[in-house]
C-alpha atoms as a PDB file:
ATOM      1  CA  MET A   1       4.265  -4.596 -20.905  1.00  0.00           C
ATOM      2  CA  ASN A   2       0.729  -2.279 -20.716  1.00  0.00           C
ATOM      3  CA  PHE A   3       0.726  -0.964 -17.158  1.00  0.00           C
ATOM      4  CA  ALA A   4      -2.578   1.048 -18.361  1.00  0.00           C
ATOM      5  CA  GLU A   5      -3.941  -2.330 -18.974  1.00  0.00           C
ATOM      6  CA  LEU A   6      -3.284  -4.021 -16.058  1.00  0.00           C
ATOM      7  CA  LEU A   7      -4.112  -1.133 -14.001  1.00  0.00           C
ATOM      8  CA  PHE A   8      -7.591  -0.794 -15.467  1.00  0.00           C
ATOM      9  CA  PRO A   9      -9.574  -3.386 -13.359  1.00  0.00           C
ATOM     10  CA  GLU A  10      -8.658  -1.132 -10.189  1.00  0.00           C
ATOM     11  CA  PHE A  11      -9.370   1.974 -11.534  1.00  0.00           C
ATOM     12  CA  SER A  12     -12.565   0.317 -13.043  1.00  0.00           C
ATOM     13  CA  LEU A  13     -13.615  -0.883  -9.840  1.00  0.00           C
ATOM     14  CA  ILE A  14     -13.129   2.829  -8.208  1.00  0.00           C
ATOM     15  CA  LEU A  15     -14.909   4.415 -10.623  1.00  0.00           C
ATOM     16  CA  CYS A  16     -18.307   1.988 -10.394  1.00  0.00           C
ATOM     17  CA  GLY A  17     -18.227   2.362  -6.770  1.00  0.00           C
ATOM     18  CA  TYR A  18     -18.174   6.277  -6.822  1.00  0.00           C
ATOM     19  CA  LEU A  19     -20.903   5.822  -9.669  1.00  0.00           C
ATOM     20  CA  LEU A  20     -23.398   3.233  -7.328  1.00  0.00           C
ATOM     21  CA  CYS A  21     -22.967   5.735  -4.341  1.00  0.00           C
ATOM     22  CA  ARG A  22     -23.762   8.797  -6.237  1.00  0.00           C
ATOM     23  CA  PHE A  23     -26.641   7.326  -8.690  1.00  0.00           C
ATOM     24  CA  THR A  24     -28.165   4.101  -7.205  1.00  0.00           C
ATOM     25  CA  ALA A  25     -29.948   3.468  -3.626  1.00  0.00           C
ATOM     26  CA  LEU A  26     -26.687   1.857  -2.684  1.00  0.00           C
ATOM     27  CA  ASP A  27     -25.364   5.546  -0.929  1.00  0.00           C
ATOM     28  CA  ARG A  28     -23.087   6.211   1.476  1.00  0.00           C
ATOM     29  CA  THR A  29     -24.820   4.225   4.639  1.00  0.00           C
ATOM     30  CA  VAL A  30     -24.445   1.101   2.602  1.00  0.00           C
ATOM     31  CA  TRP A  31     -20.963   1.780   1.851  1.00  0.00           C
ATOM     32  CA  GLU A  32     -20.351   2.377   5.962  1.00  0.00           C
ATOM     33  CA  GLN A  33     -20.896  -1.224   6.512  1.00  0.00           C
ATOM     34  CA  VAL A  34     -18.935  -2.372   3.800  1.00  0.00           C
ATOM     35  CA  ASP A  35     -15.763  -0.424   4.947  1.00  0.00           C
ATOM     36  CA  SER A  36     -16.166  -1.965   8.360  1.00  0.00           C
ATOM     37  CA  LEU A  37     -16.155  -5.588   6.649  1.00  0.00           C
ATOM     38  CA  VAL A  38     -13.201  -4.964   4.348  1.00  0.00           C
ATOM     39  CA  TYR A  39     -11.296  -3.574   7.932  1.00  0.00           C
ATOM     40  CA  TYR A  40     -12.259  -5.843  10.548  1.00  0.00           C
ATOM     41  CA  PHE A  41     -12.288  -9.144   8.247  1.00  0.00           C
ATOM     42  CA  LEU A  42     -11.517  -8.941   5.029  1.00  0.00           C
ATOM     43  CA  PHE A  43      -8.171  -6.820   4.407  1.00  0.00           C
ATOM     44  CA  PRO A  44      -6.892  -9.009   7.782  1.00  0.00           C
ATOM     45  CA  LEU A  45      -7.626 -12.183   5.858  1.00  0.00           C
ATOM     46  CA  LEU A  46      -5.878 -11.066   2.909  1.00  0.00           C
ATOM     47  CA  LEU A  47      -2.675  -9.796   4.625  1.00  0.00           C
ATOM     48  CA  PHE A  48      -2.671 -13.162   6.557  1.00  0.00           C
ATOM     49  CA  HIS A  49      -2.870 -15.300   3.360  1.00  0.00           C
ATOM     50  CA  SER A  50       0.123 -12.780   1.677  1.00  0.00           C
ATOM     51  CA  ILE A  51       2.493 -13.606   4.285  1.00  0.00           C
ATOM     52  CA  VAL A  52       1.930 -17.317   4.956  1.00  0.00           C
ATOM     53  CA  ARG A  53       1.528 -18.452   1.512  1.00  0.00           C
ATOM     54  CA  SER A  54       5.409 -18.626   0.463  1.00  0.00           C
ATOM     55  CA  PRO A  55       8.131 -19.575   3.398  1.00  0.00           C
ATOM     56  CA  LEU A  56      10.645 -16.352   3.862  1.00  0.00           C
ATOM     57  CA  GLN A  57      13.766 -17.628   2.812  1.00  0.00           C
ATOM     58  CA  ILE A  58      16.152 -14.770   5.044  1.00  0.00           C
ATOM     59  CA  GLY A  59      19.606 -16.029   3.715  1.00  0.00           C
ATOM     60  CA  ALA A  60      18.864 -15.999   0.473  1.00  0.00           C
ATOM     61  CA  THR A  61      17.679 -12.446   0.095  1.00  0.00           C
ATOM     62  CA  SER A  62      19.252 -10.268   2.931  1.00  0.00           C
ATOM     63  CA  SER A  63      20.450  -8.299   0.554  1.00  0.00           C
ATOM     64  CA  LEU A  64      16.776  -7.546  -0.862  1.00  0.00           C
ATOM     65  CA  ILE A  65      15.416  -7.735   2.543  1.00  0.00           C
ATOM     66  CA  VAL A  66      17.525  -4.845   3.682  1.00  0.00           C
ATOM     67  CA  ALA A  67      16.946  -2.829   0.364  1.00  0.00           C
ATOM     68  CA  GLY A  68      13.166  -3.137   0.754  1.00  0.00           C
ATOM     69  CA  LEU A  69      13.334  -1.900   4.679  1.00  0.00           C
ATOM     70  CA  LEU A  70      15.949   0.997   3.934  1.00  0.00           C
ATOM     71  CA  LEU A  71      13.473   2.280   1.233  1.00  0.00           C
ATOM     72  CA  GLY A  72      10.340   1.744   3.150  1.00  0.00           C
ATOM     73  CA  LEU A  73      12.013   3.837   5.717  1.00  0.00           C
ATOM     74  CA  SER A  74      13.247   6.410   3.480  1.00  0.00           C
ATOM     75  CA  GLY A  75       9.501   6.821   2.473  1.00  0.00           C
ATOM     76  CA  ILE A  76       8.338   7.085   6.054  1.00  0.00           C
ATOM     77  CA  ALA A  77      10.682   9.514   6.833  1.00  0.00           C
ATOM     78  CA  MET A  78       9.993  11.859   3.682  1.00  0.00           C
ATOM     79  CA  ALA A  79       6.511  11.398   4.579  1.00  0.00           C
ATOM     80  CA  TYR A  80       6.740  12.336   8.221  1.00  0.00           C
ATOM     81  CA  ALA A  81       8.811  15.180   7.485  1.00  0.00           C
ATOM     82  CA  LEU A  82       6.874  17.335   4.960  1.00  0.00           C
ATOM     83  CA  PRO A  83       5.050  19.184   8.137  1.00  0.00           C
ATOM     84  CA  TYR A  84       8.341  20.669   8.731  1.00  0.00           C
ATOM     85  CA  VAL A  85       9.701  21.474   5.333  1.00  0.00           C
ATOM     86  CA  PRO A  86      10.522  24.957   4.506  1.00  0.00           C
ATOM     87  CA  GLY A  87       7.866  26.707   2.436  1.00  0.00           C
ATOM     88  CA  LEU A  88       5.562  23.923   2.753  1.00  0.00           C
ATOM     89  CA  ARG A  89       4.459  23.320   6.306  1.00  0.00           C
ATOM     90  CA  ARG A  90       2.462  26.540   6.223  1.00  0.00           C
ATOM     91  CA  HIS A  91       0.309  24.984   3.480  1.00  0.00           C
ATOM     92  CA  VAL A  92       0.121  21.327   5.150  1.00  0.00           C
ATOM     93  CA  ASP A  93      -2.770  20.753   7.915  1.00  0.00           C
ATOM     94  CA  ARG A  94      -1.620  18.873  10.528  1.00  0.00           C
ATOM     95  CA  THR A  95      -4.859  16.554  10.394  1.00  0.00           C
ATOM     96  CA  ALA A  96      -5.233  16.080   6.830  1.00  0.00           C
ATOM     97  CA  HIS A  97      -1.295  15.059   6.784  1.00  0.00           C
ATOM     98  CA  ALA A  98      -1.912  12.569   9.762  1.00  0.00           C
ATOM     99  CA  GLY A  99      -4.362  10.648   7.863  1.00  0.00           C
ATOM    100  CA  ALA A 100      -2.536  11.047   4.273  1.00  0.00           C
ATOM    101  CA  ALA A 101       1.044  10.512   5.184  1.00  0.00           C
ATOM    102  CA  GLN A 102       0.269   6.557   4.506  1.00  0.00           C
ATOM    103  CA  VAL A 103      -0.105   7.128   0.985  1.00  0.00           C
ATOM    104  CA  ALA A 104       3.310   7.777   0.263  1.00  0.00           C
ATOM    105  CA  PHE A 105       4.701   4.842   1.474  1.00  0.00           C
ATOM    106  CA  ARG A 106       2.397   1.978   1.427  1.00  0.00           C
ATOM    107  CA  PHE A 107       1.652  -0.489  -1.130  1.00  0.00           C
ATOM    108  CA  ASN A 108      -0.920  -2.216  -3.127  1.00  0.00           C
ATOM    109  CA  SER A 109       0.435  -6.218  -2.509  1.00  0.00           C
ATOM    110  CA  PHE A 110      -1.883  -7.677  -4.912  1.00  0.00           C
ATOM    111  CA  LEU A 111      -0.480  -5.799  -8.003  1.00  0.00           C
ATOM    112  CA  ALA A 112       3.156  -6.507  -6.152  1.00  0.00           C
ATOM    113  CA  LEU A 113       2.264 -10.026  -6.275  1.00  0.00           C
ATOM    114  CA  ALA A 114       0.750 -10.051  -9.980  1.00  0.00           C
ATOM    115  CA  LEU A 115       3.238  -7.687 -11.601  1.00  0.00           C
ATOM    116  CA  THR A 116       6.308  -9.509 -10.404  1.00  0.00           C
ATOM    117  CA  GLU A 117       4.832 -12.910 -11.774  1.00  0.00           C
ATOM    118  CA  ARG A 118       4.576 -11.337 -14.799  1.00  0.00           C
ATOM    119  CA  LEU A 119       7.638  -9.971 -15.435  1.00  0.00           C
ATOM    120  CA  VAL A 120      10.310 -12.710 -13.794  1.00  0.00           C
ATOM    121  CA  GLY A 121       8.051 -15.677 -13.238  1.00  0.00           C
ATOM    122  CA  ALA A 122       8.072 -17.396 -10.105  1.00  0.00           C
ATOM    123  CA  PRO A 123      11.390 -16.724  -8.661  1.00  0.00           C
ATOM    124  CA  GLY A 124      10.164 -12.885  -8.534  1.00  0.00           C
ATOM    125  CA  GLN A 125       6.932 -13.586  -6.809  1.00  0.00           C
ATOM    126  CA  LEU A 126       8.504 -15.371  -3.796  1.00  0.00           C
ATOM    127  CA  LEU A 127      11.140 -12.271  -3.615  1.00  0.00           C
ATOM    128  CA  ILE A 128       8.240 -10.254  -3.669  1.00  0.00           C
ATOM    129  CA  ALA A 129       6.442 -12.175  -1.278  1.00  0.00           C
ATOM    130  CA  VAL A 130       9.518 -11.811   1.124  1.00  0.00           C
ATOM    131  CA  VAL A 131       9.721  -8.051   0.843  1.00  0.00           C
ATOM    132  CA  ILE A 132       5.872  -7.757   1.718  1.00  0.00           C
ATOM    133  CA  GLY A 133       6.661 -10.019   4.936  1.00  0.00           C
ATOM    134  CA  PHE A 134       9.207  -7.886   6.090  1.00  0.00           C
ATOM    135  CA  CYS A 135       7.859  -4.723   5.242  1.00  0.00           C
ATOM    136  CA  VAL A 136       4.106  -4.314   5.723  1.00  0.00           C
ATOM    137  CA  PRO A 137       4.472  -4.993   9.421  1.00  0.00           C
ATOM    138  CA  MET A 138       6.454  -2.055   9.425  1.00  0.00           C
ATOM    139  CA  PHE A 139       4.211   0.264   6.951  1.00  0.00           C
ATOM    140  CA  ASN A 140       1.098  -0.673   9.201  1.00  0.00           C
ATOM    141  CA  VAL A 141       2.612   0.760  12.459  1.00  0.00           C
ATOM    142  CA  ALA A 142       3.943   3.523  10.349  1.00  0.00           C
ATOM    143  CA  ALA A 143       0.463   4.580   8.802  1.00  0.00           C
ATOM    144  CA  VAL A 144      -1.410   3.967  12.476  1.00  0.00           C
ATOM    145  CA  TRP A 145       0.975   6.301  14.637  1.00  0.00           C
ATOM    146  CA  PRO A 146       0.516   9.856  13.394  1.00  0.00           C
ATOM    147  CA  MET A 147      -3.220   9.073  13.259  1.00  0.00           C
ATOM    148  CA  ALA A 148      -2.924   7.720  17.116  1.00  0.00           C
ATOM    149  CA  ARG A 149      -0.697  10.367  17.942  1.00  0.00           C
ATOM    150  CA  HIS A 150      -2.535  13.597  16.588  1.00  0.00           C
ATOM    151  CA  GLY A 151      -5.776  11.813  17.933  1.00  0.00           C
ATOM    152  CA  ASN A 152      -4.335  11.194  21.014  1.00  0.00           C
ATOM    153  CA  THR A 153      -5.320   7.490  21.184  1.00  0.00           C
ATOM    154  CA  GLY A 154      -2.400   6.162  22.204  1.00  0.00           C
ATOM    155  CA  LEU A 155       0.131   4.312  19.698  1.00  0.00           C
ATOM    156  CA  LEU A 156      -0.160   1.077  21.953  1.00  0.00           C
ATOM    157  CA  ARG A 157      -3.690   1.063  22.013  1.00  0.00           C
ATOM    158  CA  ALA A 158      -3.981   1.915  18.449  1.00  0.00           C
ATOM    159  CA  LEU A 159      -1.938  -1.156  17.480  1.00  0.00           C
ATOM    160  CA  LEU A 160      -3.718  -3.647  19.449  1.00  0.00           C
ATOM    161  CA  ARG A 161      -6.565  -2.743  18.241  1.00  0.00           C
ATOM    162  CA  ASN A 162      -6.037  -2.491  14.466  1.00  0.00           C
ATOM    163  CA  PRO A 163      -6.956  -5.767  13.018  1.00  0.00           C
ATOM    164  CA  LEU A 164      -4.198  -5.210   9.824  1.00  0.00           C
ATOM    165  CA  ILE A 165      -1.289  -5.328  12.060  1.00  0.00           C
ATOM    166  CA  VAL A 166      -2.243  -8.070  13.962  1.00  0.00           C
ATOM    167  CA  ALA A 167      -3.278 -10.196  11.463  1.00  0.00           C
ATOM    168  CA  THR A 168       0.592  -9.397   9.761  1.00  0.00           C
ATOM    169  CA  VAL A 169       2.221 -10.185  13.119  1.00  0.00           C
ATOM    170  CA  PHE A 170       0.073 -13.537  13.834  1.00  0.00           C
ATOM    171  CA  ALA A 171       1.234 -14.575  10.159  1.00  0.00           C
ATOM    172  CA  LEU A 172       5.139 -13.680  10.204  1.00  0.00           C
ATOM    173  CA  PHE A 173       4.909 -15.650  13.525  1.00  0.00           C
ATOM    174  CA  LEU A 174       3.649 -18.581  11.628  1.00  0.00           C
ATOM    175  CA  ASN A 175       5.578 -18.848   8.561  1.00  0.00           C
ATOM    176  CA  PHE A 176       8.673 -18.593  10.806  1.00  0.00           C
ATOM    177  CA  ALA A 177       7.239 -21.342  12.609  1.00  0.00           C
ATOM    178  CA  GLY A 178       6.971 -23.392   9.404  1.00  0.00           C
ATOM    179  CA  PHE A 179       2.703 -23.497   9.236  1.00  0.00           C
ATOM    180  CA  ARG A 180       1.633 -23.755   5.589  1.00  0.00           C
ATOM    181  CA  VAL A 181      -2.025 -23.494   4.650  1.00  0.00           C
ATOM    182  CA  PRO A 182      -3.807 -26.649   3.757  1.00  0.00           C
ATOM    183  CA  ALA A 183      -4.134 -27.208   0.363  1.00  0.00           C
ATOM    184  CA  TRP A 184      -7.961 -27.247   0.719  1.00  0.00           C
ATOM    185  CA  GLY A 185      -7.926 -23.841   2.733  1.00  0.00           C
ATOM    186  CA  ASP A 186      -5.799 -21.913   0.032  1.00  0.00           C
ATOM    187  CA  PRO A 187      -8.842 -21.429  -2.339  1.00  0.00           C
ATOM    188  CA  LEU A 188     -10.895 -20.241   0.693  1.00  0.00           C
ATOM    189  CA  LEU A 189      -8.619 -17.888   1.608  1.00  0.00           C
ATOM    190  CA  SER A 190      -7.740 -16.524  -2.390  1.00  0.00           C
ATOM    191  CA  ARG A 191     -11.364 -15.904  -2.534  1.00  0.00           C
ATOM    192  CA  PHE A 192     -11.730 -13.758   0.613  1.00  0.00           C
ATOM    193  CA  GLY A 193      -8.658 -11.967  -0.645  1.00  0.00           C
ATOM    194  CA  ALA A 194     -10.358 -11.256  -3.821  1.00  0.00           C
ATOM    195  CA  ALA A 195     -13.575  -9.581  -2.168  1.00  0.00           C
ATOM    196  CA  ALA A 196     -11.331  -7.448  -0.014  1.00  0.00           C
ATOM    197  CA  LEU A 197      -9.941  -6.117  -2.952  1.00  0.00           C
ATOM    198  CA  VAL A 198     -12.497  -5.329  -4.772  1.00  0.00           C
ATOM    199  CA  LEU A 199     -14.892  -4.118  -1.967  1.00  0.00           C
ATOM    200  CA  GLY A 200     -11.878  -2.167  -0.693  1.00  0.00           C
ATOM    201  CA  LEU A 201     -11.363  -0.559  -4.318  1.00  0.00           C
ATOM    202  CA  MET A 202     -15.192   0.013  -4.537  1.00  0.00           C
ATOM    203  CA  ALA A 203     -15.565   1.204  -0.915  1.00  0.00           C
ATOM    204  CA  ALA A 204     -12.595   3.722  -1.852  1.00  0.00           C
ATOM    205  CA  GLY A 205     -14.525   5.156  -4.923  1.00  0.00           C
ATOM    206  CA  ALA A 206     -17.977   5.657  -2.969  1.00  0.00           C
ATOM    207  CA  GLY A 207     -15.898   7.479  -0.544  1.00  0.00           C
ATOM    208  CA  LEU A 208     -14.818   9.867  -3.213  1.00  0.00           C
ATOM    209  CA  GLN A 209     -15.058  13.568  -2.625  1.00  0.00           C
ATOM    210  CA  PHE A 210     -12.803  15.310  -5.272  1.00  0.00           C
ATOM    211  CA  GLY A 211     -12.764  18.807  -3.826  1.00  0.00           C
ATOM    212  CA  GLU A 212     -11.251  17.394  -1.154  1.00  0.00           C
ATOM    213  CA  LEU A 213      -8.383  17.156  -3.083  1.00  0.00           C
ATOM    214  CA  ALA A 214      -8.417  20.488  -4.486  1.00  0.00           C
ATOM    215  CA  ALA A 215      -8.524  22.230  -0.768  1.00  0.00           C
ATOM    216  CA  SER A 216      -5.408  20.636   0.007  1.00  0.00           C
ATOM    217  CA  LYS A 217      -3.261  20.801  -3.627  1.00  0.00           C
ATOM    218  CA  VAL A 218       0.300  21.053  -1.445  1.00  0.00           C
ATOM    219  CA  LEU A 219      -0.416  17.913   0.675  1.00  0.00           C
ATOM    220  CA  THR A 220      -1.656  16.130  -2.254  1.00  0.00           C
ATOM    221  CA  VAL A 221       0.977  16.711  -4.659  1.00  0.00           C
ATOM    222  CA  SER A 222       3.874  15.994  -1.802  1.00  0.00           C
ATOM    223  CA  VAL A 223       2.701  12.813  -0.702  1.00  0.00           C
ATOM    224  CA  LEU A 224       2.051  11.300  -4.477  1.00  0.00           C
ATOM    225  CA  ALA A 225       5.361  13.018  -5.540  1.00  0.00           C
ATOM    226  CA  ILE A 226       7.277  10.783  -2.871  1.00  0.00           C
ATOM    227  CA  ARG A 227       5.052   7.664  -3.675  1.00  0.00           C
ATOM    228  CA  HIS A 228       5.748   7.543  -7.416  1.00  0.00           C
ATOM    229  CA  LEU A 229       8.734   9.683  -8.149  1.00  0.00           C
ATOM    230  CA  LEU A 230      11.044  10.127  -5.309  1.00  0.00           C
ATOM    231  CA  THR A 231      10.595   6.549  -3.855  1.00  0.00           C
ATOM    232  CA  PRO A 232      11.595   4.939  -7.247  1.00  0.00           C
ATOM    233  CA  LEU A 233      14.642   6.797  -7.316  1.00  0.00           C
ATOM    234  CA  VAL A 234      15.644   5.882  -3.698  1.00  0.00           C
ATOM    235  CA  ALA A 235      15.187   2.068  -4.527  1.00  0.00           C
ATOM    236  CA  TRP A 236      17.666   2.483  -7.700  1.00  0.00           C
ATOM    237  CA  GLY A 237      20.105   3.874  -5.528  1.00  0.00           C
ATOM    238  CA  LEU A 238      19.996   1.328  -3.462  1.00  0.00           C
ATOM    239  CA  ALA A 239      19.903  -1.695  -6.100  1.00  0.00           C
ATOM    240  CA  VAL A 240      23.230   0.174  -7.038  1.00  0.00           C
ATOM    241  CA  ALA A 241      24.750   0.124  -3.513  1.00  0.00           C
ATOM    242  CA  LEU A 242      23.704  -2.999  -2.248  1.00  0.00           C
ATOM    243  CA  ARG A 243      24.480  -4.724  -5.943  1.00  0.00           C
ATOM    244  CA  LEU A 244      21.503  -6.450  -6.282  1.00  0.00           C
ATOM    245  CA  ASP A 245      21.458  -8.885  -9.190  1.00  0.00           C
ATOM    246  CA  ALA A 246      19.064  -8.164 -12.301  1.00  0.00           C
ATOM    247  CA  THR A 247      16.031 -10.094 -10.590  1.00  0.00           C
ATOM    248  CA  GLN A 248      15.949  -8.427  -7.241  1.00  0.00           C
ATOM    249  CA  SER A 249      16.613  -4.619  -8.951  1.00  0.00           C
ATOM    250  CA  THR A 250      13.632  -5.414 -10.928  1.00  0.00           C
ATOM    251  CA  VAL A 251      11.618  -6.535  -7.972  1.00  0.00           C
ATOM    252  CA  LEU A 252      12.866  -3.693  -5.652  1.00  0.00           C
ATOM    253  CA  LEU A 253      12.045  -0.798  -8.531  1.00  0.00           C
ATOM    254  CA  LEU A 254       8.679  -2.716  -9.248  1.00  0.00           C
ATOM    255  CA  PHE A 255       8.006  -2.508  -5.651  1.00  0.00           C
ATOM    256  CA  SER A 256       8.891   0.955  -5.308  1.00  0.00           C
ATOM    257  CA  ALA A 257       6.799   1.972  -7.542  1.00  0.00           C
ATOM    258  CA  LEU A 258       3.550   0.620  -7.140  1.00  0.00           C
ATOM    259  CA  PRO A 259       0.255   2.384  -6.641  1.00  0.00           C
ATOM    260  CA  THR A 260      -0.521   2.865  -3.067  1.00  0.00           C
ATOM    261  CA  ALA A 261      -2.675   0.761  -0.852  1.00  0.00           C
ATOM    262  CA  SER A 262      -6.085   0.505  -1.418  1.00  0.00           C
ATOM    263  CA  SER A 263      -6.756   0.173   2.598  1.00  0.00           C
ATOM    264  CA  ALA A 264      -5.353   3.342   2.867  1.00  0.00           C
ATOM    265  CA  TYR A 265      -8.788   4.681   2.503  1.00  0.00           C
ATOM    266  CA  VAL A 266     -10.639   2.306   4.718  1.00  0.00           C
ATOM    267  CA  LEU A 267      -7.829   2.835   7.732  1.00  0.00           C
ATOM    268  CA  ALA A 268      -8.297   6.614   7.466  1.00  0.00           C
ATOM    269  CA  ALA A 269     -12.001   6.164   7.242  1.00  0.00           C
ATOM    270  CA  ARG A 270     -12.075   4.054  10.668  1.00  0.00           C
ATOM    271  CA  MET A 271      -9.777   5.983  12.751  1.00  0.00           C
ATOM    272  CA  GLY A 272     -11.704   8.915  12.183  1.00  0.00           C
ATOM    273  CA  TYR A 273     -10.362  11.241   9.527  1.00  0.00           C
ATOM    274  CA  ASN A 274     -10.436  12.483   5.934  1.00  0.00           C
ATOM    275  CA  GLY A 275     -11.766   9.158   4.400  1.00  0.00           C
ATOM    276  CA  PRO A 276     -12.860  11.074   1.255  1.00  0.00           C
ATOM    277  CA  TYR A 277      -9.674  12.783   0.764  1.00  0.00           C
ATOM    278  CA  VAL A 278      -7.408   9.762   0.997  1.00  0.00           C
ATOM    279  CA  ALA A 279      -9.887   7.721  -1.319  1.00  0.00           C
ATOM    280  CA  GLY A 280      -9.253  10.497  -3.860  1.00  0.00           C
ATOM    281  CA  LEU A 281      -5.420  10.019  -3.325  1.00  0.00           C
ATOM    282  CA  VAL A 282      -5.746   6.423  -3.768  1.00  0.00           C
ATOM    283  CA  THR A 283      -7.587   6.851  -7.149  1.00  0.00           C
ATOM    284  CA  LEU A 284      -5.010   9.241  -8.275  1.00  0.00           C
ATOM    285  CA  SER A 285      -1.840   6.753  -7.105  1.00  0.00           C
ATOM    286  CA  THR A 286      -3.717   4.126  -9.282  1.00  0.00           C
ATOM    287  CA  LEU A 287      -3.311   6.642 -12.327  1.00  0.00           C
ATOM    288  CA  LEU A 288       0.121   7.438 -11.604  1.00  0.00           C
ATOM    289  CA  GLY A 289       1.006   4.164 -11.263  1.00  0.00           C
ATOM    290  CA  MET A 290       0.699   4.075 -15.204  1.00  0.00           C
ATOM    291  CA  LEU A 291       3.225   6.379 -15.263  1.00  0.00           C
ATOM    292  CA  SER A 292       6.091   5.494 -12.245  1.00  0.00           C
ATOM    293  CA  LEU A 293       6.246   1.899 -13.187  1.00  0.00           C
ATOM    294  CA  PRO A 294       7.211   2.091 -16.860  1.00  0.00           C
ATOM    295  CA  PHE A 295       9.871   5.047 -15.254  1.00  0.00           C
ATOM    296  CA  ALA A 296      11.052   2.761 -12.011  1.00  0.00           C
ATOM    297  CA  LEU A 297      11.956  -0.304 -14.660  1.00  0.00           C
ATOM    298  CA  ALA A 298      13.549   2.455 -16.925  1.00  0.00           C
ATOM    299  CA  LEU A 299      16.086   3.103 -14.338  1.00  0.00           C
ATOM    300  CA  LEU A 300      17.319  -0.422 -14.512  1.00  0.00           C
ATOM    301  CA  ASN A 301      19.255   0.643 -17.814  1.00  0.00           C
ATOM    302  CA  ALA A 302      20.517   3.750 -16.059  1.00  0.00           C
ATOM    303  CA  PRO A 303      24.455   3.527 -16.009  1.00  0.00           C
ATOM    304  CA  ARG A 304      25.810   2.231 -12.654  1.00  0.00           C
END
C-alpha cells in the first residue's frame, strides 16, 4: 500500500491553507472564523457521525477494546510524563506542553476508517469504529485536561464547554440506546464530516509558523516520537500479550501509527494556546505517517 499517496490529500490541504493565508486576501482574520466554525459545528458532527454509524459490539471485540484503551492510556501517560523526565524537563516549556501533549496520542479518525477499509475490508472498518467509539472520549478528555489545568479554568467546566466531548458522549449514549442515522440523514452528515476535514486541515495550514517548531525542538521530537515510534511498539506488545487475531492485530497496529488529529490545532487555538506550534506538529505528523504506518504493519511479521 502506498501510504504517501494516501496521505497526499491531507498534506496538500495543509499546504493550500498555508499558501492562501500568506499570499492572498484570505489572511489570518478569515481563518480565525473558520477555526470557530470547525470547532463548534463541523468537527462535533464528524465525531457524532463516526460513532453512531456502526453499532458497538462489545462482546465480540472485548480484547481489541481493552488493547485500544491500554494503548491510549500508555500514550497519554508518556505524553504527560515529558515535563518530568530527567534530561528533558529543563527543555520542555509547561505552557507549550499543555497545548502539544495531545499530538502524542490523538489520531486522524478519517484516515483510520479509510485505511482499515482498504486493508481488511468491512470487518476492519467495524472494528476501528468500535475502537474510535471507546477511545475518542478518553483522548478528548486527556487533551483538554492539561490545558484546563495549566490555565486554571477548571477541568469540569472545560469539559462541559468542549463541543467535541459533548458530541462524543451524546453519540455514545445514542449508539448504546440503539439509535441509527436515517438513510436520508447519512449523506448530509457525511458531507459535514468531509467539510470538517477539509477546513480543519486548511485552517491548520493557515496557522502554520515553522519558527515555532524550532523554538521547541525537544518537545517537538518527544511528542512525535511517542506518536510515531513508541506507540506502535506498545501496540505490537499488546497484540501479542492479548493474543489478538490477525484482523484485530492489523487494526490495532494501524490505529497506533496514524497521524495525529487535525482538530488538535483547532482545540489548542480555541483554548488560548500556541495554535501555530500545534499546526506545525500536525503537519509533521502527517508526513511522518508515511513512515510509521508501514513500520507498524511490518511489526505484524515480527516473531511472537
